[in-house]
Protein backbone atom coordinates (compact mmCIF):
# COMPACT_ATOMS: atom_id res chain seq x y z
CA UNK A 1 -0.70 -12.44 -35.73
CA UNK A 2 0.12 -13.04 -32.10
CA UNK A 3 1.83 -16.30 -33.58
CA UNK A 4 4.11 -14.37 -35.85
CA UNK A 5 5.13 -12.06 -32.74
CA UNK A 6 5.51 -14.88 -30.37
CA UNK A 7 7.93 -16.59 -33.10
CA UNK A 8 10.39 -13.42 -33.95
CA UNK A 9 9.90 -12.80 -29.89
CA UNK A 10 11.80 -16.50 -29.59
CA UNK A 11 14.23 -15.98 -32.47
CA UNK A 12 15.52 -12.19 -30.80
CA UNK A 13 15.68 -14.47 -27.34
CA UNK A 14 18.13 -16.93 -29.24
CA UNK A 15 19.92 -14.29 -30.38
CA UNK A 16 20.16 -12.64 -26.87
CA UNK A 17 18.20 -9.56 -28.26
CA UNK A 18 16.26 -9.91 -24.95
CA UNK A 19 14.45 -6.62 -24.58
CA UNK A 20 13.59 -6.71 -28.58
CA UNK A 21 11.65 -10.17 -26.94
CA UNK A 22 10.30 -8.37 -24.47
CA UNK A 23 8.89 -5.94 -26.80
CA UNK A 24 7.67 -8.52 -29.03
CA UNK A 25 5.96 -10.80 -26.74
CA UNK A 26 4.25 -7.36 -24.92
CA UNK A 27 2.95 -6.82 -28.66
CA UNK A 28 1.97 -9.98 -28.81
CA UNK A 29 0.00 -9.60 -25.34
CA UNK A 30 -2.34 -6.94 -26.60
CA UNK A 31 -3.58 -9.50 -29.14
CA UNK A 32 -4.21 -12.34 -27.32
CA UNK A 33 -4.47 -11.42 -23.61
CA UNK A 34 -5.66 -14.65 -22.68
CA UNK A 35 -2.71 -16.75 -24.06
CA UNK A 36 -0.75 -17.99 -20.56
CA UNK A 37 2.28 -19.42 -23.22
CA UNK A 38 2.99 -15.88 -23.70
CA UNK A 39 3.36 -14.24 -20.26
CA UNK A 40 5.68 -17.14 -19.71
CA UNK A 41 7.96 -16.78 -22.32
CA UNK A 42 7.95 -12.97 -21.40
CA UNK A 43 8.81 -13.79 -17.45
CA UNK A 44 12.03 -16.06 -19.15
CA UNK A 45 13.45 -12.90 -21.16
CA UNK A 46 12.51 -10.68 -18.01
CA UNK A 47 14.73 -12.54 -15.95
CA UNK A 48 17.65 -12.64 -18.93
CA UNK A 49 16.89 -8.86 -18.17
CA UNK A 50 16.77 -8.92 -14.54
CA UNK A 51 13.60 -7.90 -14.23
CA UNK A 52 12.59 -9.77 -11.54
CA UNK A 53 9.71 -8.02 -10.37
CA UNK A 54 8.07 -8.29 -14.08
CA UNK A 55 9.39 -11.85 -14.41
CA UNK A 56 6.97 -12.70 -10.92
CA UNK A 57 4.21 -10.79 -12.43
CA UNK A 58 4.49 -12.14 -15.43
CA UNK A 59 4.52 -15.89 -14.21
CA UNK A 60 1.84 -15.59 -11.72
CA UNK A 61 -0.60 -14.26 -14.65
CA UNK A 62 0.53 -17.02 -17.02
CA UNK A 63 -0.38 -19.61 -14.17
CA UNK A 64 -3.54 -17.68 -13.11
CA UNK A 65 -4.58 -18.55 -17.10
CA UNK A 66 -3.00 -21.93 -17.34
CA UNK A 67 -2.52 -23.54 -13.21
CA UNK A 68 -1.21 -26.73 -14.99
CA UNK A 69 1.67 -25.38 -16.66
CA UNK A 70 4.68 -26.23 -14.65
CA UNK A 71 6.98 -23.61 -17.21
CA UNK A 72 5.10 -21.05 -15.57
CA UNK A 73 5.88 -22.30 -11.88
CA UNK A 74 9.48 -23.09 -12.38
CA UNK A 75 10.17 -19.24 -13.96
CA UNK A 76 8.26 -17.81 -11.20
CA UNK A 77 10.40 -19.20 -8.64
CA UNK A 78 13.13 -18.65 -10.51
CA UNK A 79 12.47 -14.90 -10.16
CA UNK A 80 11.31 -15.16 -6.57
CA UNK A 81 15.06 -16.83 -5.42
CA UNK A 82 16.73 -14.12 -7.56
CA UNK A 83 14.72 -11.48 -5.13
CA UNK A 84 15.60 -13.92 -2.41
CA UNK A 85 12.25 -14.74 -2.06
CA UNK A 86 12.75 -18.13 -0.76
CA UNK A 87 9.67 -19.32 0.68
CA UNK A 88 7.26 -18.02 -2.16
CA UNK A 89 10.17 -19.48 -4.98
CA UNK A 90 10.14 -23.01 -2.72
CA UNK A 91 6.24 -23.41 -3.09
CA UNK A 92 6.54 -21.69 -6.81
CA UNK A 93 9.21 -25.40 -7.37
CA UNK A 94 6.90 -27.22 -5.08
CA UNK A 95 3.53 -26.92 -7.20
CA UNK A 96 5.88 -27.18 -10.50
CA UNK A 97 7.30 -30.08 -9.15
CA UNK A 98 3.98 -31.90 -8.85
CA UNK A 99 3.11 -31.47 -11.92
CA UNK A 100 6.41 -32.66 -13.53
CA UNK A 101 7.44 -35.35 -11.00
CA UNK A 102 9.78 -36.64 -14.26
CA UNK A 103 11.91 -32.99 -13.96
CA UNK A 104 14.74 -32.42 -11.89
CA UNK A 105 15.57 -29.33 -12.12
CA UNK A 106 12.37 -28.48 -9.67
CA UNK A 107 13.96 -30.61 -6.92
CA UNK A 108 17.48 -28.93 -7.52
CA UNK A 109 15.70 -25.59 -6.97
CA UNK A 110 13.91 -27.18 -4.07
CA UNK A 111 17.67 -28.13 -2.38
CA UNK A 112 18.40 -24.16 -3.15
CA UNK A 113 15.36 -22.48 -1.15
CA UNK A 114 15.77 -25.18 1.56
CA UNK A 115 19.86 -24.36 2.36
CA UNK A 116 18.85 -20.42 2.10
CA UNK A 117 16.01 -20.50 4.23
CA UNK A 118 18.25 -22.40 7.06
CA UNK A 119 21.06 -19.78 6.35
CA UNK A 120 18.63 -16.91 6.51
CA UNK A 121 16.27 -18.02 9.74
CA UNK A 122 18.15 -21.27 11.41
CA UNK A 123 14.82 -23.25 11.16
CA UNK A 124 14.58 -26.01 9.27
CA UNK A 125 12.22 -25.87 6.04
CA UNK A 126 9.04 -27.56 5.69
CA UNK A 127 7.24 -28.20 2.79
CA UNK A 128 4.70 -25.08 1.61
CA UNK A 129 0.92 -25.32 2.18
CA UNK A 130 0.38 -23.64 -0.62
CA UNK A 131 2.47 -25.96 -3.02
CA UNK A 132 -0.26 -27.96 -4.24
CA UNK A 133 -2.12 -26.23 -7.15
CA UNK A 134 -5.84 -26.79 -6.92
CA UNK A 135 -7.95 -28.07 -10.15
CA UNK A 136 -4.73 -29.16 -12.06
CA UNK A 137 -4.58 -31.57 -14.10
CA UNK A 138 -0.57 -32.81 -14.96
CA UNK A 139 0.59 -33.17 -18.50
CA UNK A 140 1.63 -36.25 -19.82
CA UNK A 141 5.24 -35.22 -20.41
CA UNK A 142 7.26 -32.70 -19.84
CA UNK A 143 8.69 -30.04 -22.76
CA UNK A 144 11.77 -28.02 -22.44
CA UNK A 145 11.70 -24.79 -24.48
CA UNK A 146 14.92 -23.65 -26.22
CA UNK A 147 15.22 -20.75 -23.91
CA UNK A 148 15.39 -22.90 -21.26
CA UNK A 149 18.40 -24.20 -22.45
CA UNK A 150 20.82 -21.00 -22.95
CA UNK A 151 22.16 -20.01 -19.95
CA UNK A 152 23.35 -16.39 -21.59
CA UNK A 153 22.81 -13.65 -19.40
CA UNK A 154 22.68 -9.97 -20.36
CA UNK A 155 23.44 -6.74 -18.43
CA UNK A 156 21.02 -4.50 -20.83
CA UNK A 157 18.62 -2.45 -18.37
CA UNK A 158 15.42 -1.67 -19.65
CA UNK A 159 14.68 2.28 -19.32
CA UNK A 160 11.16 2.47 -17.04
CA UNK A 161 8.35 4.42 -18.52
CA UNK A 162 6.66 7.49 -17.13
CA UNK A 163 3.86 5.51 -14.61
CA UNK A 164 0.56 6.42 -15.76
CA UNK A 165 -0.79 6.71 -12.69
CA UNK A 166 0.83 8.63 -9.32
CA UNK A 167 1.39 6.50 -5.86
CA UNK A 168 2.77 7.34 -2.12
CA UNK A 169 2.66 5.12 0.33
CA UNK A 170 2.73 6.31 4.66
CA UNK A 171 3.59 3.57 7.18
CA UNK A 172 2.46 2.56 10.75
CA UNK A 173 4.55 0.59 13.24
CA UNK A 174 2.87 -2.44 11.69
CA UNK A 175 2.10 -2.05 8.34
CA UNK A 176 2.30 0.28 5.09
CA UNK A 177 0.11 1.86 3.43
CA UNK A 178 0.60 2.36 0.06
CA UNK A 179 -2.22 4.61 -2.13
CA UNK A 180 -2.54 4.74 -6.37
CA UNK A 181 -4.39 7.54 -6.90
CA UNK A 182 -6.65 5.97 -9.95
CA UNK A 183 -10.00 7.55 -10.42
CA UNK A 184 -12.96 6.02 -11.24
CA UNK A 185 -11.68 2.37 -12.02
CA UNK A 186 -13.93 -0.73 -11.91
CA UNK A 187 -12.95 -3.16 -9.13
CA UNK A 188 -13.03 -5.67 -11.33
CA UNK A 189 -10.16 -4.06 -13.54
CA UNK A 190 -7.72 -4.44 -10.21
CA UNK A 191 -5.15 -7.43 -9.39
CA UNK A 192 -3.13 -6.89 -6.65
CA UNK A 193 -1.25 -9.70 -5.40
CA UNK A 194 1.63 -10.26 -2.82
CA UNK A 195 4.84 -12.13 -2.58
CA UNK A 196 7.66 -12.15 0.66
CA UNK A 197 8.70 -9.20 -0.20
CA UNK A 198 6.87 -8.15 -4.09
CA UNK A 199 3.84 -6.34 -4.47
CA UNK A 200 2.13 -6.47 -7.62
CA UNK A 201 -0.67 -4.20 -8.78
CA UNK A 202 -2.18 -4.40 -12.21
CA UNK A 203 -5.11 -1.79 -13.90
CA UNK A 204 -6.60 -3.45 -17.32
CA UNK A 205 -9.29 -0.86 -18.40
CA UNK A 206 -10.49 -1.68 -21.62
CA UNK A 207 -9.34 0.21 -24.33
CA UNK A 208 -6.24 1.77 -22.64
CA UNK A 209 -2.48 0.11 -21.94
CA UNK A 210 -2.07 -1.70 -18.65
CA UNK A 211 -0.77 -0.44 -15.85
CA UNK A 212 1.75 -2.41 -14.05
CA UNK A 213 3.30 -1.39 -10.44
CA UNK A 214 5.55 -4.27 -9.52
CA UNK A 215 8.31 -3.03 -6.71
CA UNK A 216 10.96 -5.09 -4.54
CA UNK A 217 9.33 -3.85 -1.21
CA UNK A 218 12.01 -2.17 1.38
CA UNK A 219 11.16 -5.29 4.14
CA UNK A 220 9.15 -8.53 4.15
CA UNK A 221 5.51 -8.44 4.56
CA UNK A 222 3.02 -11.28 5.38
CA UNK A 223 0.91 -11.95 2.53
CA UNK A 224 -1.95 -13.58 4.40
CA UNK A 225 -2.55 -10.59 6.40
CA UNK A 226 -2.65 -8.04 3.15
CA UNK A 227 -5.36 -6.45 2.01
CA UNK A 228 -6.72 -3.77 -0.70
CA UNK A 229 -9.94 -1.48 -1.35
CA UNK A 230 -10.63 -0.23 -4.69
CA UNK A 231 -12.11 3.32 -3.75
CA UNK A 232 -13.61 6.15 -6.12
CA UNK A 233 -10.53 8.04 -6.39
CA UNK A 234 -7.74 5.26 -5.20
CA UNK A 235 -6.67 1.92 -4.76
CA UNK A 236 -5.33 1.42 -1.22
CA UNK A 237 -3.62 -1.49 -0.24
CA UNK A 238 -2.46 -2.32 3.30
CA UNK A 239 0.35 -4.02 3.83
CA UNK A 240 1.39 -6.30 7.04
CA UNK A 241 4.99 -5.89 7.82
CA UNK A 242 6.93 -9.01 8.99
CA UNK A 243 9.17 -6.84 11.18
CA UNK A 244 8.27 -3.62 13.59
CA UNK A 245 11.34 -1.77 11.28
CA UNK A 246 11.12 1.82 10.11
CA UNK A 247 10.87 1.51 6.35
CA UNK A 248 13.21 4.32 5.02
CA UNK A 249 11.42 3.65 1.26
CA UNK A 250 9.04 2.03 0.01
CA UNK A 251 11.11 0.35 -2.42
CA UNK A 252 14.55 -1.97 -1.93
CA UNK A 253 17.80 -0.85 -2.37
CA UNK A 254 21.16 -1.51 -1.94
CA UNK A 255 21.80 2.04 0.08
CA UNK A 256 18.36 1.22 2.18
CA UNK A 257 19.11 2.05 5.85
CA UNK A 258 17.54 -0.27 7.88
CA UNK A 259 15.90 1.08 11.31
CA UNK A 260 15.78 -2.38 13.46
CA UNK A 261 13.44 -0.53 16.49
CA UNK A 262 10.49 1.08 14.94
CA UNK A 263 9.28 4.27 16.40
CA UNK A 264 6.09 3.41 18.16
CA UNK A 265 2.88 5.56 17.97
CA UNK A 266 0.93 7.11 20.81
CA UNK A 267 -2.08 8.93 21.40
CA UNK A 268 -0.03 11.91 20.96
CA UNK A 269 1.95 11.02 17.68
CA UNK A 270 0.63 11.91 14.47
CA UNK A 271 1.22 9.32 11.45
CA UNK A 272 4.53 10.72 9.15
CA UNK A 273 4.31 10.94 5.63
CA UNK A 274 6.90 11.79 3.25
CA UNK A 275 7.23 14.83 2.07
CA UNK A 276 10.14 17.13 0.51
CA UNK A 277 8.83 19.83 2.96
CA UNK A 278 10.37 20.86 6.35
CA UNK A 279 8.98 18.90 9.08
CA UNK A 280 6.66 20.63 11.47
CA UNK A 281 5.89 19.70 15.26
CA UNK A 282 2.26 20.51 15.17
CA UNK A 283 2.11 19.37 19.23
CA UNK A 284 4.56 22.12 20.00
CA UNK A 285 2.80 24.59 17.79
CA UNK A 286 -0.49 24.13 19.45
CA UNK A 287 1.07 24.32 22.53
CA UNK A 288 2.49 27.60 22.16
CA UNK A 289 -0.97 28.81 20.47
CA UNK A 290 -2.61 27.75 23.79
CA UNK A 291 -0.15 29.81 25.87
CA UNK A 292 -0.22 33.05 23.55
CA UNK A 293 -4.02 32.91 24.29
CA UNK A 294 -3.39 32.21 27.69
CA UNK A 295 -0.72 35.20 28.48
CA UNK A 296 -2.89 37.35 26.03
CA UNK A 297 -3.68 40.66 27.81
CA UNK A 298 -7.19 42.50 26.30
CA UNK A 299 -8.95 45.89 27.49
CA UNK A 300 -12.36 46.59 27.28
CA UNK A 301 -15.32 44.36 26.12
CA UNK A 302 -12.74 41.96 24.94
CA UNK A 303 -11.23 41.41 28.31
CA UNK A 304 -14.85 41.37 29.91
CA UNK A 305 -16.33 38.76 27.04
CA UNK A 306 -12.95 36.67 28.07
CA UNK A 307 -13.46 36.66 31.88
CA UNK A 308 -17.23 35.58 31.00
CA UNK A 309 -15.85 32.82 29.08
CA UNK A 310 -13.55 32.02 31.21
CA UNK A 311 -16.45 32.01 34.16
CA UNK A 312 -18.17 29.66 31.84
CA UNK A 313 -15.68 27.30 30.73
CA UNK A 314 -14.51 26.21 34.08
CA UNK A 315 -18.10 26.27 35.41
CA UNK A 316 -20.91 23.35 36.52
CA UNK A 317 -23.97 23.15 34.99
CA UNK A 318 -26.28 24.76 37.50
CA UNK A 319 -24.34 27.35 36.86
CA UNK A 320 -23.78 27.50 33.29
CA UNK A 321 -27.83 27.33 32.99
CA UNK A 322 -27.86 30.14 35.10
CA UNK A 323 -25.90 32.35 32.46
CA UNK A 324 -27.94 31.43 29.79
CA UNK A 325 -31.06 31.91 31.10
CA UNK A 326 -30.12 34.80 32.36
CA UNK A 327 -28.66 36.46 29.08
CA UNK A 328 -31.58 35.27 27.06
CA UNK A 329 -34.52 36.44 29.08
CA UNK A 330 -33.02 39.52 29.84
CA UNK A 331 -32.21 40.38 26.35
CA UNK A 332 -28.31 40.19 27.29
CA UNK A 333 -28.57 42.65 30.09
CA UNK A 334 -28.45 40.15 33.45
CA UNK A 335 -25.44 37.31 33.62
CA UNK A 336 -26.12 35.15 36.54
CA UNK A 337 -24.18 32.31 37.86
CA UNK A 338 -27.23 31.90 40.60
CA UNK A 339 -29.28 29.08 39.63
CA UNK A 340 -31.53 28.62 42.59
CA UNK A 341 -32.29 32.67 42.18
CA UNK A 342 -33.11 32.60 38.20
CA UNK A 343 -34.19 28.88 37.57
CA UNK A 344 -37.81 29.25 39.46
CA UNK A 345 -38.49 33.36 37.90
CA UNK A 346 -37.98 35.00 34.64
CA UNK A 347 -35.10 37.23 34.70
CA UNK A 348 -36.08 41.04 33.87
CA UNK A 349 -33.90 43.04 31.74
CA UNK A 350 -32.34 45.68 33.54
CA UNK A 351 -30.61 48.42 31.20
CA UNK A 352 -27.91 50.49 31.97
CA UNK A 353 -28.42 53.89 33.47
CA UNK A 354 -30.01 56.53 31.62
CA UNK A 355 -31.77 53.90 28.85
CA UNK A 356 -34.67 52.12 28.93
CA UNK A 357 -35.63 48.19 27.55
CA UNK A 358 -38.19 48.07 24.92
CA UNK A 359 -39.83 45.28 23.21
CA UNK A 360 -39.65 44.68 19.86
CA UNK A 361 -42.99 43.54 18.09
CA UNK A 362 -42.94 41.54 14.87
């Protein structure tokens, strides 16, 4: 039963066995995938493991299932704050505060967010426009679970499993395009959400283990301008960059190098894709091929054909019409460039010396 697994998970959490708690909550979620408390509690266990992106996804799912749960907002805000997504964290804390006005933890966190926002932007923070949850009835009392009282941290690092679907990304000056190669997935099985610097992709197909991809992104994005499309062979996600910087990777690490000036794309430039192969300058190769074709020295019929092609390529419309008409009507024995001469009559064939023209009868 899911309730038995949840009880064991809470006991594991109390004993600081956070990885075991996450595993037990995951097993319970398989049995009861629409239980918001399971997602909320797993979010707290993930926070203890410093799995903040997973915690944000779990808390967001809990909010989706039960928008009146202040505990889920608290955990989402805590995880976002740890990811330095202060605006998103503040919005979550403000929403939770409206549901539990007597809980001082929300006001304390909001003050921390305001301080960090000022340090980061130099501007005084304003109340988030999306802080008020819709269609929500505030609970009559606020409960504090035993796991929220514990402040013990853990140094355990969970080893990520091999992803079910392959993903790639490429970028333009103003956006990053992430492709998840999931073939034949119904659109209603795909859920994509965005934070200031978080992407969360969940694919849930009945009878299969869910696919979850939750990277902390290299740079910040504008969630309102992001979008995604579910195609037959893939899920394509377009992330609007908050700054026109060049992303050296999709995911953030402490070793990421930020290039402040993004490469501006021009008509002559092509988008670059991440690859382990050596980069080729296709424009240079194209120019080289054209030069070789121009400088190529031909003999015999090849040289003659090239000569006629060059004439046709640089000719005006009347000259081209004359060349086409004379060549077709004369069965390839006459090629005239004078439209006034051939335009008003049928061009008779002129065979080479020693040969005669014959008409084929079909």
